[in-house]
């Protein structure tokens, strides 16, 4: 009984951290999108890169990074992230 309680507590803590991290990622993505819309491309890149550093990967994230790099003239990075977006999400 005591062991089950420890596992249950551990699961609750881990799930709680996941929910918090998901909210943080969503906030970072929105902030990056806001920077992009305001033509603050370097700030958008920094936000999107911080999402990648947390281990999150998505076609939308790569696509947004590609667009941001394109806007600052970093064509090599833009192509890299566009290709990663296509690999994950071929409809991009």
C-alpha atoms as a PDB file:
ATOM      1  CA  UNK A   1       0.000   0.000   0.000  1.00  0.00           C
ATOM      2  CA  UNK A   2       2.812   2.405   0.891  1.00  0.00           C
ATOM      3  CA  UNK A   3       4.629   1.658  -2.376  1.00  0.00           C
ATOM      4  CA  UNK A   4       1.469   2.354  -4.421  1.00  0.00           C
ATOM      5  CA  UNK A   5       1.080   5.698  -2.680  1.00  0.00           C
ATOM      6  CA  UNK A   6       4.665   6.650  -3.555  1.00  0.00           C
ATOM      7  CA  UNK A   7       4.106   5.769  -7.223  1.00  0.00           C
ATOM      8  CA  UNK A   8       0.835   7.666  -7.293  1.00  0.00           C
ATOM      9  CA  UNK A   9       2.520  10.718  -5.796  1.00  0.00           C
ATOM     10  CA  UNK A  10       5.334  10.467  -8.335  1.00  0.00           C
ATOM     11  CA  UNK A  11       2.854  10.243 -11.210  1.00  0.00           C
ATOM     12  CA  UNK A  12       0.960  13.279  -9.967  1.00  0.00           C
ATOM     13  CA  UNK A  13       4.171  15.302  -9.714  1.00  0.00           C
ATOM     14  CA  UNK A  14       5.340  14.235 -13.181  1.00  0.00           C
ATOM     15  CA  UNK A  15       1.963  14.941 -14.766  1.00  0.00           C
ATOM     16  CA  UNK A  16       1.828  18.329 -13.043  1.00  0.00           C
ATOM     17  CA  UNK A  17       5.242  19.219 -14.476  1.00  0.00           C
ATOM     18  CA  UNK A  18       4.097  18.172 -17.947  1.00  0.00           C
ATOM     19  CA  UNK A  19       1.039  20.436 -17.775  1.00  0.00           C
ATOM     20  CA  UNK A  20       3.137  23.362 -16.578  1.00  0.00           C
ATOM     21  CA  UNK A  21       5.698  22.769 -19.323  1.00  0.00           C
ATOM     22  CA  UNK A  22       2.972  22.546 -21.965  1.00  0.00           C
ATOM     23  CA  UNK A  23       1.596  25.895 -20.822  1.00  0.00           C
ATOM     24  CA  UNK A  24       5.096  27.402 -20.864  1.00  0.00           C
ATOM     25  CA  UNK A  25       5.651  26.110 -24.397  1.00  0.00           C
ATOM     26  CA  UNK A  26       2.321  27.503 -25.534  1.00  0.00           C
ATOM     27  CA  UNK A  27       3.181  30.888 -24.031  1.00  0.00           C
ATOM     28  CA  UNK A  28       6.614  30.889 -25.677  1.00  0.00           C
ATOM     29  CA  UNK A  29       5.084  29.984 -29.042  1.00  0.00           C
ATOM     30  CA  UNK A  30       2.537  32.783 -28.762  1.00  0.00           C
ATOM     31  CA  UNK A  31       5.237  35.240 -27.732  1.00  0.00           C
ATOM     32  CA  UNK A  32       7.387  34.179 -30.686  1.00  0.00           C
ATOM     33  CA  UNK A  33       4.420  34.607 -33.014  1.00  0.00           C
ATOM     34  CA  UNK A  34       3.744  38.066 -31.586  1.00  0.00           C
ATOM     35  CA  UNK A  35       7.368  39.065 -32.158  1.00  0.00           C
ATOM     36  CA  UNK A  36       7.148  37.787 -35.729  1.00  0.00           C
ATOM     37  CA  UNK A  37       3.947  39.734 -36.396  1.00  0.00           C
ATOM     38  CA  UNK A  38       5.671  42.876 -35.083  1.00  0.00           C
ATOM     39  CA  UNK A  39       8.654  42.257 -37.386  1.00  0.00           C
ATOM     40  CA  UNK A  40      10.937  41.538 -34.440  1.00  0.00           C
ATOM     41  CA  UNK A  41      12.393  38.500 -36.137  1.00  0.00           C
ATOM     42  CA  UNK A  42      15.485  38.028 -33.973  1.00  0.00           C
ATOM     43  CA  UNK A  43      13.340  38.000 -30.828  1.00  0.00           C
ATOM     44  CA  UNK A  44      10.983  35.505 -32.492  1.00  0.00           C
ATOM     45  CA  UNK A  45      13.953  33.271 -33.298  1.00  0.00           C
ATOM     46  CA  UNK A  46      15.153  33.413 -29.702  1.00  0.00           C
ATOM     47  CA  UNK A  47      11.714  32.381 -28.451  1.00  0.00           C
ATOM     48  CA  UNK A  48      11.368  29.560 -30.951  1.00  0.00           C
ATOM     49  CA  UNK A  49      14.902  28.333 -30.218  1.00  0.00           C
ATOM     50  CA  UNK A  50      14.125  28.266 -26.487  1.00  0.00           C
ATOM     51  CA  UNK A  51      11.197  25.980 -27.266  1.00  0.00           C
ATOM     52  CA  UNK A  52      13.537  23.653 -29.169  1.00  0.00           C
ATOM     53  CA  UNK A  53      15.939  23.658 -26.214  1.00  0.00           C
ATOM     54  CA  UNK A  54      13.128  22.298 -24.052  1.00  0.00           C
ATOM     55  CA  UNK A  55      12.871  19.313 -26.363  1.00  0.00           C
ATOM     56  CA  UNK A  56       9.650  20.252 -28.135  1.00  0.00           C
ATOM     57  CA  UNK A  57       9.508  19.635 -31.883  1.00  0.00           C
ATOM     58  CA  UNK A  58       6.724  20.348 -34.347  1.00  0.00           C
ATOM     59  CA  UNK A  59       6.244  21.186 -37.979  1.00  0.00           C
ATOM     60  CA  UNK A  60       4.750  24.555 -37.047  1.00  0.00           C
ATOM     61  CA  UNK A  61       7.710  25.411 -34.840  1.00  0.00           C
ATOM     62  CA  UNK A  62      10.210  24.547 -37.566  1.00  0.00           C
ATOM     63  CA  UNK A  63       8.163  26.420 -40.160  1.00  0.00           C
ATOM     64  CA  UNK A  64       8.009  29.527 -37.975  1.00  0.00           C
ATOM     65  CA  UNK A  65      11.745  29.342 -37.396  1.00  0.00           C
ATOM     66  CA  UNK A  66      12.297  29.021 -41.138  1.00  0.00           C
ATOM     67  CA  UNK A  67      10.175  32.097 -41.790  1.00  0.00           C
ATOM     68  CA  UNK A  68      11.966  34.096 -39.110  1.00  0.00           C
ATOM     69  CA  UNK A  69      15.407  33.167 -40.397  1.00  0.00           C
ATOM     70  CA  UNK A  70      14.286  33.999 -43.935  1.00  0.00           C
ATOM     71  CA  UNK A  71      13.182  37.466 -42.809  1.00  0.00           C
ATOM     72  CA  UNK A  72      16.612  38.279 -41.354  1.00  0.00           C
ATOM     73  CA  UNK A  73      18.353  36.986 -44.460  1.00  0.00           C
ATOM     74  CA  UNK A  74      19.767  33.787 -42.935  1.00  0.00           C
ATOM     75  CA  UNK A  75      18.761  31.700 -45.929  1.00  0.00           C
ATOM     76  CA  UNK A  76      20.762  28.600 -44.950  1.00  0.00           C
ATOM     77  CA  UNK A  77      19.025  28.374 -41.576  1.00  0.00           C
ATOM     78  CA  UNK A  78      15.681  29.115 -43.229  1.00  0.00           C
ATOM     79  CA  UNK A  79      16.107  26.205 -45.633  1.00  0.00           C
ATOM     80  CA  UNK A  80      17.210  23.908 -42.805  1.00  0.00           C
ATOM     81  CA  UNK A  81      14.089  24.601 -40.771  1.00  0.00           C
ATOM     82  CA  UNK A  82      11.772  24.486 -43.781  1.00  0.00           C
ATOM     83  CA  UNK A  83      13.158  21.033 -44.594  1.00  0.00           C
ATOM     84  CA  UNK A  84      12.674  19.901 -40.997  1.00  0.00           C
ATOM     85  CA  UNK A  85       9.084  21.185 -41.107  1.00  0.00           C
ATOM     86  CA  UNK A  86       8.437  19.255 -44.318  1.00  0.00           C
ATOM     87  CA  UNK A  87       9.898  16.080 -42.868  1.00  0.00           C
ATOM     88  CA  UNK A  88       7.573  16.209 -39.844  1.00  0.00           C
ATOM     89  CA  UNK A  89       4.570  17.783 -41.541  1.00  0.00           C
ATOM     90  CA  UNK A  90       4.578  17.299 -45.334  1.00  0.00           C
ATOM     91  CA  UNK A  91       1.562  19.598 -45.769  1.00  0.00           C
ATOM     92  CA  UNK A  92       3.705  22.657 -44.924  1.00  0.00           C
END
